[in-house]
Amino acid sequence: HIHTHIGAYAADAGVDHFIAIGPIAGLAVDGFEQRSHVGQAHRFGTKHEAAELLASLDSNHVILVKGSRSAKMEDIVNALKD
């Protein structure tokens, strides 16, 4: 499944925190967890739940935000810029 491959790719790229929103994006977390030995994967049902974690991260982290277009991921990206 493409989502699983995305998670594996992120793990191989050295992503520290993999954040997925929604049930299908959770497949990407599965792929990440199968490949990463040091990164942390996070599954969230809503972007509001994810925002709490994002607030605890800083510019020293490599972050890949994964979610469907309907989840309006630009809200998460904008939160990261602040």
C-alpha atoms as a PDB file:
ATOM      1  CA  HIS A   1       0.000   0.000   0.000  1.00  0.00           C
ATOM      2  CA  ILE A   2       1.329   3.454  -0.913  1.00  0.00           C
ATOM      3  CA  HIS A   3       0.850   4.841   2.597  1.00  0.00           C
ATOM      4  CA  THR A   4       2.956   2.060   4.089  1.00  0.00           C
ATOM      5  CA  HIS A   5       5.728   2.859   1.594  1.00  0.00           C
ATOM      6  CA  ILE A   6       5.591   6.552   2.523  1.00  0.00           C
ATOM      7  CA  GLY A   7       6.173   5.664   6.161  1.00  0.00           C
ATOM      8  CA  ALA A   8       9.072   3.378   5.275  1.00  0.00           C
ATOM      9  CA  TYR A   9      10.587   6.100   3.087  1.00  0.00           C
ATOM     10  CA  ALA A  10      10.366   8.580   5.958  1.00  0.00           C
ATOM     11  CA  ALA A  11      12.099   6.130   8.287  1.00  0.00           C
ATOM     12  CA  ASP A  12      14.872   5.538   5.761  1.00  0.00           C
ATOM     13  CA  ALA A  13      15.286   9.316   5.376  1.00  0.00           C
ATOM     14  CA  GLY A  14      15.934   9.684   9.115  1.00  0.00           C
ATOM     15  CA  VAL A  15      12.707  11.392  10.135  1.00  0.00           C
ATOM     16  CA  ASP A  16      12.567  11.904  13.924  1.00  0.00           C
ATOM     17  CA  HIS A  17       8.811  12.255  14.369  1.00  0.00           C
ATOM     18  CA  PHE A  18       6.257  10.898  11.916  1.00  0.00           C
ATOM     19  CA  ILE A  19       2.828  12.414  12.519  1.00  0.00           C
ATOM     20  CA  ALA A  20      -0.211  10.907  10.780  1.00  0.00           C
ATOM     21  CA  ILE A  21      -3.783  12.125  10.969  1.00  0.00           C
ATOM     22  CA  GLY A  22      -6.709   9.860  10.183  1.00  0.00           C
ATOM     23  CA  PRO A  23      -7.170   6.110   9.820  1.00  0.00           C
ATOM     24  CA  ILE A  24      -5.701   5.647   6.344  1.00  0.00           C
ATOM     25  CA  ALA A  25      -2.638   7.716   7.183  1.00  0.00           C
ATOM     26  CA  GLY A  26      -2.175   5.326  10.076  1.00  0.00           C
ATOM     27  CA  LEU A  27      -0.918   2.819   7.498  1.00  0.00           C
ATOM     28  CA  ALA A  28       2.034   5.137   6.968  1.00  0.00           C
ATOM     29  CA  VAL A  29       2.761   4.920  10.692  1.00  0.00           C
ATOM     30  CA  ASP A  30       2.855   1.141  10.327  1.00  0.00           C
ATOM     31  CA  GLY A  31       5.454   1.436   7.571  1.00  0.00           C
ATOM     32  CA  PHE A  32       7.471   3.910   9.598  1.00  0.00           C
ATOM     33  CA  GLU A  33       7.437   1.756  12.716  1.00  0.00           C
ATOM     34  CA  GLN A  34       8.524  -1.305  10.753  1.00  0.00           C
ATOM     35  CA  ARG A  35      11.633   0.502   9.447  1.00  0.00           C
ATOM     36  CA  SER A  36      12.644   3.089  12.031  1.00  0.00           C
ATOM     37  CA  HIS A  37      14.687   2.165  15.058  1.00  0.00           C
ATOM     38  CA  VAL A  38      15.112   5.676  16.433  1.00  0.00           C
ATOM     39  CA  GLY A  39      12.200   7.792  15.201  1.00  0.00           C
ATOM     40  CA  GLN A  40       8.863   8.198  16.882  1.00  0.00           C
ATOM     41  CA  ALA A  41       5.555   7.722  15.073  1.00  0.00           C
ATOM     42  CA  HIS A  42       2.353   9.378  16.204  1.00  0.00           C
ATOM     43  CA  ARG A  43      -1.219   8.599  15.119  1.00  0.00           C
ATOM     44  CA  PHE A  44      -3.943  11.158  15.642  1.00  0.00           C
ATOM     45  CA  GLY A  45      -7.621  11.194  14.886  1.00  0.00           C
ATOM     46  CA  THR A  46      -7.747  14.975  14.483  1.00  0.00           C
ATOM     47  CA  LYS A  47      -5.317  17.746  13.681  1.00  0.00           C
ATOM     48  CA  HIS A  48      -6.212  19.386  16.997  1.00  0.00           C
ATOM     49  CA  GLU A  49      -4.713  16.379  18.775  1.00  0.00           C
ATOM     50  CA  ALA A  50      -1.613  16.632  16.577  1.00  0.00           C
ATOM     51  CA  ALA A  51      -1.242  20.344  17.328  1.00  0.00           C
ATOM     52  CA  GLU A  52      -0.486  19.575  20.973  1.00  0.00           C
ATOM     53  CA  LEU A  53       2.491  17.429  19.986  1.00  0.00           C
ATOM     54  CA  LEU A  54       3.697  19.915  17.393  1.00  0.00           C
ATOM     55  CA  ALA A  55       3.818  22.618  20.050  1.00  0.00           C
ATOM     56  CA  SER A  56       6.351  20.532  21.974  1.00  0.00           C
ATOM     57  CA  LEU A  57       8.757  20.177  19.024  1.00  0.00           C
ATOM     58  CA  ASP A  58      11.352  22.699  17.932  1.00  0.00           C
ATOM     59  CA  SER A  59      13.451  23.542  14.884  1.00  0.00           C
ATOM     60  CA  ASN A  60      15.943  20.799  15.768  1.00  0.00           C
ATOM     61  CA  HIS A  61      13.430  18.107  14.771  1.00  0.00           C
ATOM     62  CA  VAL A  62      12.887  16.682  11.302  1.00  0.00           C
ATOM     63  CA  ILE A  63       9.118  16.438  10.909  1.00  0.00           C
ATOM     64  CA  LEU A  64       7.011  14.812   8.204  1.00  0.00           C
ATOM     65  CA  VAL A  65       3.322  15.655   8.446  1.00  0.00           C
ATOM     66  CA  LYS A  66       1.082  13.075   6.721  1.00  0.00           C
ATOM     67  CA  GLY A  67      -2.642  13.469   6.200  1.00  0.00           C
ATOM     68  CA  SER A  68      -5.266  13.552   3.490  1.00  0.00           C
ATOM     69  CA  ARG A  69      -5.909  16.724   1.536  1.00  0.00           C
ATOM     70  CA  SER A  70      -9.338  16.943   3.118  1.00  0.00           C
ATOM     71  CA  ALA A  71      -7.614  17.268   6.507  1.00  0.00           C
ATOM     72  CA  LYS A  72      -6.327  20.709   5.416  1.00  0.00           C
ATOM     73  CA  MET A  73      -2.738  19.972   6.273  1.00  0.00           C
ATOM     74  CA  GLU A  74      -1.791  23.576   5.562  1.00  0.00           C
ATOM     75  CA  ASP A  75      -3.110  24.276   9.078  1.00  0.00           C
ATOM     76  CA  ILE A  76      -0.424  21.988  10.492  1.00  0.00           C
ATOM     77  CA  VAL A  77       2.257  23.415   8.212  1.00  0.00           C
ATOM     78  CA  ASN A  78       1.330  26.942   9.279  1.00  0.00           C
ATOM     79  CA  ALA A  79       1.466  25.907  12.940  1.00  0.00           C
ATOM     80  CA  LEU A  80       4.995  24.624  12.365  1.00  0.00           C
ATOM     81  CA  LYS A  81       6.057  27.961  10.935  1.00  0.00           C
ATOM     82  CA  ASP A  82       4.995  29.846  14.073  1.00  0.00           C
END
